[in-house]
Protein backbone atom coordinates (compact mmCIF):
# COMPACT_ATOMS: atom_id res chain seq x y z
CA UNK A 1 -13.21 16.55 18.04
CA UNK A 2 -10.56 13.74 17.94
CA UNK A 3 -7.91 13.70 20.62
CA UNK A 4 -4.42 14.80 19.23
CA UNK A 5 -1.31 13.10 20.79
CA UNK A 6 2.68 13.53 20.36
CA UNK A 7 3.91 11.13 17.83
CA UNK A 8 7.50 11.97 18.79
CA UNK A 9 7.61 9.10 21.35
CA UNK A 10 7.16 6.61 18.62
CA UNK A 11 10.36 4.44 17.82
CA UNK A 12 11.26 3.42 13.98
CA UNK A 13 12.76 0.00 14.05
CA UNK A 14 15.30 -1.35 11.81
CA UNK A 15 12.81 -3.69 10.16
CA UNK A 16 10.39 -0.88 9.17
CA UNK A 17 8.13 -1.27 12.20
CA UNK A 18 6.89 1.71 14.36
CA UNK A 19 7.09 0.93 17.89
CA UNK A 20 4.44 2.61 20.20
CA UNK A 21 3.91 2.30 24.00
CA UNK A 22 0.42 3.29 24.18
CA UNK A 23 -1.25 5.25 21.82
CA UNK A 24 -1.13 6.25 18.33
CA UNK A 25 -2.76 8.69 15.90
CA UNK A 26 -3.14 7.61 12.47
CA UNK A 27 -1.84 10.15 9.98
CA UNK A 28 -4.97 10.71 7.78
CA UNK A 29 -8.03 9.57 9.83
CA UNK A 30 -6.83 11.00 13.05
CA UNK A 31 -8.16 7.93 14.75
CA UNK A 32 -6.61 7.15 17.84
CA UNK A 33 -5.53 3.44 18.34
CA UNK A 34 -4.65 2.14 21.87
CA UNK A 35 -1.83 -0.53 21.64
CA UNK A 36 1.06 -1.81 23.31
CA UNK A 37 2.85 -3.56 20.59
CA UNK A 38 4.52 -3.00 17.05
CA UNK A 39 2.64 -1.61 14.29
CA UNK A 40 3.57 -2.73 10.81
CA UNK A 41 2.62 0.22 8.39
CA UNK A 42 2.75 -1.95 5.28
CA UNK A 43 -0.34 -3.68 5.69
CA UNK A 44 -4.24 -3.28 5.99
CA UNK A 45 -5.71 -0.31 8.02
CA UNK A 46 -2.37 1.25 9.20
CA UNK A 47 -0.88 1.43 5.61
CA UNK A 48 -4.16 2.87 4.64
CA UNK A 49 -3.93 5.55 7.13
CA UNK A 50 -0.45 6.42 5.90
CA UNK A 51 -1.56 7.28 2.40
CA UNK A 52 -2.72 10.65 0.93
CA UNK A 53 -6.37 9.70 -0.02
CA UNK A 54 -8.72 12.28 -1.46
CA UNK A 55 -12.22 12.31 -0.92
CA UNK A 56 -14.66 10.87 -3.42
CA UNK A 57 -12.11 8.97 -5.39
CA UNK A 58 -11.66 5.34 -6.49
CA UNK A 59 -9.17 3.08 -5.42
CA UNK A 60 -8.08 -0.43 -6.63
CA UNK A 61 -6.34 -2.58 -3.92
CA UNK A 62 -4.34 -5.28 -5.65
CA UNK A 63 -3.61 -8.10 -3.47
CA UNK A 64 -6.07 -6.68 -0.85
CA UNK A 65 -7.22 -10.02 0.66
CA UNK A 66 -10.18 -11.77 1.31
CA UNK A 67 -11.69 -9.64 3.87
CA UNK A 68 -13.41 -6.08 3.20
CA UNK A 69 -12.25 -4.34 6.31
CA UNK A 70 -9.87 -1.78 4.44
CA UNK A 71 -12.67 -1.24 1.90
CA UNK A 72 -15.10 -0.13 4.80
CA UNK A 73 -12.21 1.83 6.48
CA UNK A 74 -11.33 4.08 3.56
CA UNK A 75 -15.10 4.38 2.70
CA UNK A 76 -15.85 5.65 6.03
CA UNK A 77 -12.69 7.74 6.85
CA UNK A 78 -11.97 9.03 3.19
CA UNK A 79 -14.99 8.59 1.44
CA UNK A 80 -12.93 6.38 -0.99
CA UNK A 81 -14.80 3.72 -2.92
CA UNK A 82 -12.30 0.56 -3.00
CA UNK A 83 -12.23 -2.28 -5.13
CA UNK A 84 -10.17 -5.55 -4.23
CA UNK A 85 -8.36 -7.49 -6.62
CA UNK A 86 -6.60 -10.65 -5.23
CA UNK A 87 -6.15 -13.83 -7.54
CA UNK A 88 -5.23 -15.87 -4.18
CA UNK A 89 -7.89 -14.68 -1.85
CA UNK A 90 -10.94 -13.84 -4.13
CA UNK A 91 -12.90 -15.84 -6.58
CA UNK A 92 -12.23 -15.71 -10.30
CA UNK A 93 -15.58 -14.33 -11.11
CA UNK A 94 -15.12 -11.42 -8.12
CA UNK A 95 -11.80 -10.68 -9.64
CA UNK A 96 -13.09 -10.51 -13.47
CA UNK A 97 -15.81 -8.17 -12.16
CA UNK A 98 -13.30 -5.92 -10.64
CA UNK A 99 -10.95 -5.90 -13.64
CA UNK A 100 -13.69 -5.26 -15.99
CA UNK A 101 -14.91 -2.29 -13.82
CA UNK A 102 -11.51 -0.82 -13.56
CA UNK A 103 -10.95 -1.25 -17.48
CA UNK A 104 -14.25 0.39 -17.91
CA UNK A 105 -13.44 3.36 -15.65
CA UNK A 106 -9.73 3.59 -14.57
CA UNK A 107 -9.34 4.39 -10.74
CA UNK A 108 -7.60 7.60 -9.15
CA UNK A 109 -5.14 5.52 -6.93
CA UNK A 110 -3.77 2.00 -6.48
CA UNK A 111 -2.66 0.26 -3.44
CA UNK A 112 -0.12 -2.53 -3.42
CA UNK A 113 0.36 -3.21 0.26
CA UNK A 114 2.85 -5.66 1.19
CA UNK A 115 2.57 -7.55 -2.44
CA UNK A 116 6.14 -6.71 -4.03
CA UNK A 117 7.98 -8.40 -1.07
CA UNK A 118 6.01 -11.71 -1.70
CA UNK A 119 6.51 -11.86 -5.44
CA UNK A 120 9.95 -13.25 -5.76
CA UNK A 121 9.80 -13.78 -9.64
CA UNK A 122 10.88 -10.72 -11.45
CA UNK A 123 8.57 -11.40 -14.43
CA UNK A 124 5.65 -11.62 -12.13
CA UNK A 125 6.55 -8.70 -10.37
CA UNK A 126 6.65 -6.76 -13.65
CA UNK A 127 3.22 -8.04 -14.33
CA UNK A 128 1.73 -6.78 -11.18
CA UNK A 129 3.43 -3.19 -11.95
CA UNK A 130 1.87 -3.34 -15.42
CA UNK A 131 -1.55 -4.23 -13.93
CA UNK A 132 -1.33 -1.40 -11.21
CA UNK A 133 -0.25 1.28 -13.85
CA UNK A 134 -2.84 0.08 -16.67
CA UNK A 135 -5.52 0.43 -13.89
CA UNK A 136 -4.91 4.23 -13.19
CA UNK A 137 -6.43 7.01 -15.02
CA UNK A 138 -3.88 9.65 -16.30
CA UNK A 139 -2.60 11.48 -13.30
CA UNK A 140 -3.50 8.71 -10.98
CA UNK A 141 -1.09 7.65 -8.25
CA UNK A 142 -0.14 4.12 -7.19
CA UNK A 143 1.19 3.50 -3.45
CA UNK A 144 3.45 0.55 -2.94
CA UNK A 145 4.06 -0.56 0.80
CA UNK A 146 7.00 -3.08 1.07
CA UNK A 147 7.41 -5.14 4.29
CA UNK A 148 10.98 -5.54 4.52
CA UNK A 149 11.11 -8.63 6.67
CA UNK A 150 14.24 -9.15 8.52
CA UNK A 151 16.09 -6.87 6.15
CA UNK A 152 18.83 -9.16 5.17
CA UNK A 153 18.15 -9.03 1.53
CA UNK A 154 18.14 -12.96 1.32
CA UNK A 155 14.90 -14.30 0.09
CA UNK A 156 13.02 -16.61 2.19
CA UNK A 157 10.28 -19.24 0.68
CA UNK A 158 7.70 -16.34 0.69
CA UNK A 159 9.66 -13.15 1.69
CA UNK A 160 12.26 -11.03 -0.26
CA UNK A 161 13.43 -9.33 2.94
CA UNK A 162 14.20 -6.13 0.98
CA UNK A 163 13.11 -2.67 1.73
CA UNK A 164 11.02 -0.70 -0.98
CA UNK A 165 14.22 1.03 -2.35
CA UNK A 166 15.05 -2.46 -3.77
CA UNK A 167 12.02 -2.00 -6.01
CA UNK A 168 12.41 1.27 -7.17
CA UNK A 169 14.13 0.76 -10.50
CA UNK A 170 11.50 -1.92 -11.23
CA UNK A 171 8.82 0.61 -10.75
CA UNK A 172 10.61 3.06 -12.55
CA UNK A 173 11.03 0.94 -15.63
CA UNK A 174 7.01 0.77 -15.72
CA UNK A 175 6.23 4.44 -14.52
CA UNK A 176 8.97 6.43 -15.98
CA UNK A 177 12.14 7.47 -13.64
CA UNK A 178 10.70 10.90 -12.96
CA UNK A 179 7.32 9.65 -11.77
CA UNK A 180 8.31 7.52 -9.03
CA UNK A 181 9.63 8.55 -5.51
CA UNK A 182 10.06 7.48 -1.92
CA UNK A 183 8.61 10.04 0.40
CA UNK A 184 11.09 12.03 2.69
CA UNK A 185 9.15 11.22 5.73
CA UNK A 186 8.88 7.65 5.28
CA UNK A 187 10.76 4.93 6.91
CA UNK A 188 11.64 3.14 3.56
CA UNK A 189 8.55 1.15 3.12
CA UNK A 190 6.82 3.26 0.74
CA UNK A 191 7.12 4.00 -3.07
CA UNK A 192 4.82 6.47 -4.74
CA UNK A 193 4.23 6.43 -8.51
CA UNK A 194 2.34 8.79 -10.96
CA UNK A 195 0.91 7.66 -14.13
CA UNK A 196 1.24 10.42 -16.83
């Protein structure tokens, strides 16, 4: 049995981090993480543990990086088969195999973790959103996590410094207004979108 802890002692900071003093229990897996630092819930394992995965489903992680840590994590904790597509951190051959696989059999979910905030060009973001949309089977969900940087909304060379709400309209343009939401219990880093 996994140890349960009280998360009421955590503090959400203005830049979207969750500050914890010693222990945190991840939302879905129940895993206890011992830390004395700030957790960014927009990347990798911490982000994956904030999402409502269902067992025995398939996920496409767009921009998932060069390592398979998240793939192993969601397989172990959620029994989710994860495919990583990342044009900057995976080979052309790897990405072609993943896209062909997803084209043949669309996925149940797509994760885009800390990606929208690094795509500064609006057309490139639209291309990213269309890839996410067309990778999903009808009824599938996309989960976008956005790192808000310094929260100024003034872009730097690599970060937009905007929160998730800043991208809401762009996501709605692709998925439809009624199919996109920001969860009530979220600190403003997450957008859920459903493909009808």
